[in-house]
Amino acid sequence: MIAVDTSTWIAFLEGDAGEDAALLDRALQDRQVLMVPVVLTEVLSDPMLPSEVSQTLSELPLVEIGPGYWQRAGELRAKVLAKRRKARLGDALIAQSCIDHDLPLLTRDRDFRAFADAAGLDLVIGAATG
């Protein structure tokens, strides 16, 4: 199973032929994708997203948020910020969801490397952004 960041979802939905989009396509065919709630919220925030895409994404199994998640996410973000690295709140929430469930994160956003360095987030990095 894998989790997929917003950056890769957007590229995939726009028809980008990147390696990460191809990996996502394969994982979807194999039913190996878990949706991180924060990512679902970010992707569904696009007012131009077709309703059928919204419906399909909403049907993917969600990563469960367990007890202590919010505290762990805050501590993770603090750890990254203490190293003077970029740590957006949404990224910290996504990273913590993946760490809690030992899920690799497929992403184009290299800012997640700070979470990998700080807490061992397992990354599968696609084309560079951020």
Protein backbone atom coordinates (compact mmCIF):
# COMPACT_ATOMS: atom_id res chain seq x y z
CA MET A 1 0.00 0.00 0.00
CA ILE A 2 1.06 3.58 -0.64
CA ALA A 3 -0.15 7.07 0.16
CA VAL A 4 -0.02 9.78 -2.50
CA ASP A 5 0.63 13.47 -1.97
CA THR A 6 -1.41 16.23 -3.58
CA SER A 7 1.43 17.15 -5.96
CA THR A 8 1.35 13.71 -7.58
CA TRP A 9 -2.46 13.53 -7.62
CA ILE A 10 -2.62 16.86 -9.46
CA ALA A 11 -0.02 15.76 -12.01
CA PHE A 12 -1.86 12.46 -12.51
CA LEU A 13 -5.25 14.13 -12.93
CA GLU A 14 -3.77 16.60 -15.43
CA GLY A 15 -2.40 13.72 -17.51
CA ASP A 16 1.28 14.25 -16.71
CA ALA A 17 3.42 11.37 -17.95
CA GLY A 18 5.90 11.51 -15.05
CA GLU A 19 7.25 8.42 -13.34
CA ASP A 20 5.23 9.16 -10.20
CA ALA A 21 2.01 9.43 -12.24
CA ALA A 22 2.78 6.06 -13.82
CA LEU A 23 3.41 4.54 -10.37
CA LEU A 24 0.11 5.98 -9.14
CA ASP A 25 -1.73 4.56 -12.15
CA ARG A 26 -0.30 1.11 -11.45
CA ALA A 27 -1.08 1.34 -7.73
CA LEU A 28 -4.68 2.33 -8.49
CA GLN A 29 -5.08 -0.61 -10.86
CA ASP A 30 -3.72 -2.91 -8.13
CA ARG A 31 -5.91 -1.27 -5.46
CA GLN A 32 -2.83 -0.35 -3.46
CA VAL A 33 -3.63 3.31 -2.71
CA LEU A 34 -4.78 4.66 0.64
CA MET A 35 -6.02 8.26 0.69
CA VAL A 36 -4.66 10.58 3.37
CA PRO A 37 -7.56 12.73 4.65
CA VAL A 38 -5.58 15.99 4.32
CA VAL A 39 -4.69 15.13 0.71
CA LEU A 40 -8.33 14.38 -0.08
CA THR A 41 -9.26 17.78 1.35
CA GLU A 42 -6.56 19.53 -0.69
CA VAL A 43 -7.52 17.85 -3.97
CA LEU A 44 -11.27 18.35 -3.43
CA SER A 45 -10.58 22.07 -2.80
CA ASP A 46 -10.11 22.59 -6.54
CA PRO A 47 -13.34 24.28 -7.71
CA MET A 48 -12.68 23.03 -11.26
CA LEU A 49 -12.41 19.36 -10.24
CA PRO A 50 -15.00 17.35 -12.19
CA SER A 51 -17.66 15.83 -9.93
CA GLU A 52 -16.97 12.30 -11.22
CA VAL A 53 -13.29 12.64 -10.22
CA SER A 54 -14.33 13.98 -6.84
CA GLN A 55 -16.64 11.00 -6.35
CA THR A 56 -13.97 8.49 -7.39
CA LEU A 57 -11.35 9.99 -5.08
CA SER A 58 -13.83 10.04 -2.20
CA GLU A 59 -14.37 6.30 -2.61
CA LEU A 60 -10.70 5.43 -2.01
CA PRO A 61 -10.03 3.92 1.42
CA LEU A 62 -8.94 6.56 3.93
CA VAL A 63 -5.95 6.37 6.25
CA GLU A 64 -7.32 6.21 9.80
CA ILE A 65 -6.53 9.02 12.23
CA GLY A 66 -5.69 7.43 15.56
CA PRO A 67 -5.48 8.71 19.14
CA GLY A 68 -2.62 11.14 19.68
CA TYR A 69 -2.29 11.93 15.96
CA TRP A 70 -2.63 15.71 16.35
CA GLN A 71 -0.03 15.82 19.12
CA ARG A 72 2.41 13.65 17.15
CA ALA A 73 1.92 15.81 14.05
CA GLY A 74 2.64 18.96 16.06
CA GLU A 75 5.76 17.42 17.58
CA LEU A 76 6.93 16.25 14.15
CA ARG A 77 6.48 19.73 12.71
CA ALA A 78 8.33 21.26 15.66
CA LYS A 79 11.22 18.83 15.14
CA VAL A 80 11.52 19.85 11.47
CA LEU A 81 11.17 23.58 12.23
CA ALA A 82 13.86 23.29 14.94
CA LYS A 83 16.26 22.19 12.18
CA ARG A 84 15.33 25.37 10.27
CA ARG A 85 13.68 23.38 7.49
CA LYS A 86 10.38 24.17 5.77
CA ALA A 87 7.45 22.41 7.46
CA ARG A 88 4.05 23.45 6.18
CA LEU A 89 1.20 22.37 8.41
CA GLY A 90 -0.52 20.31 5.69
CA ASP A 91 2.74 18.53 4.91
CA ALA A 92 3.27 17.71 8.59
CA LEU A 93 -0.24 16.22 8.80
CA ILE A 94 0.33 14.15 5.66
CA ALA A 95 3.74 12.98 6.85
CA GLN A 96 2.38 11.98 10.28
CA SER A 97 -0.45 9.97 8.69
CA CYS A 98 2.11 8.03 6.67
CA ILE A 99 4.50 7.55 9.58
CA ASP A 100 1.68 6.28 11.82
CA HIS A 101 0.76 3.60 9.28
CA ASP A 102 4.24 2.86 7.92
CA LEU A 103 3.09 3.93 4.46
CA PRO A 104 5.48 5.15 1.78
CA LEU A 105 4.50 8.55 0.39
CA LEU A 106 4.56 9.07 -3.38
CA THR A 107 5.22 12.77 -4.01
CA ARG A 108 6.80 15.39 -6.27
CA ASP A 109 7.28 17.76 -3.36
CA ARG A 110 10.86 17.65 -2.15
CA ASP A 111 9.90 19.52 1.04
CA PHE A 112 8.90 16.12 2.44
CA ARG A 113 12.60 15.22 2.66
CA ALA A 114 12.74 17.23 5.88
CA PHE A 115 10.18 14.84 7.40
CA ALA A 116 12.11 11.85 6.09
CA ASP A 117 15.27 13.17 7.74
CA ALA A 118 13.53 14.05 11.01
CA ALA A 119 11.33 10.99 11.49
CA GLY A 120 12.05 8.37 8.86
CA LEU A 121 9.14 9.11 6.54
CA ASP A 122 9.46 6.64 3.64
CA LEU A 123 9.45 8.65 0.39
CA VAL A 124 9.01 7.76 -3.25
CA ILE A 125 9.96 11.00 -5.02
CA GLY A 126 8.78 11.85 -8.53
CA ALA A 127 9.58 14.88 -10.70
CA ALA A 128 10.81 17.91 -8.72
CA THR A 129 8.57 20.69 -7.46
CA GLY A 130 8.67 22.97 -4.44
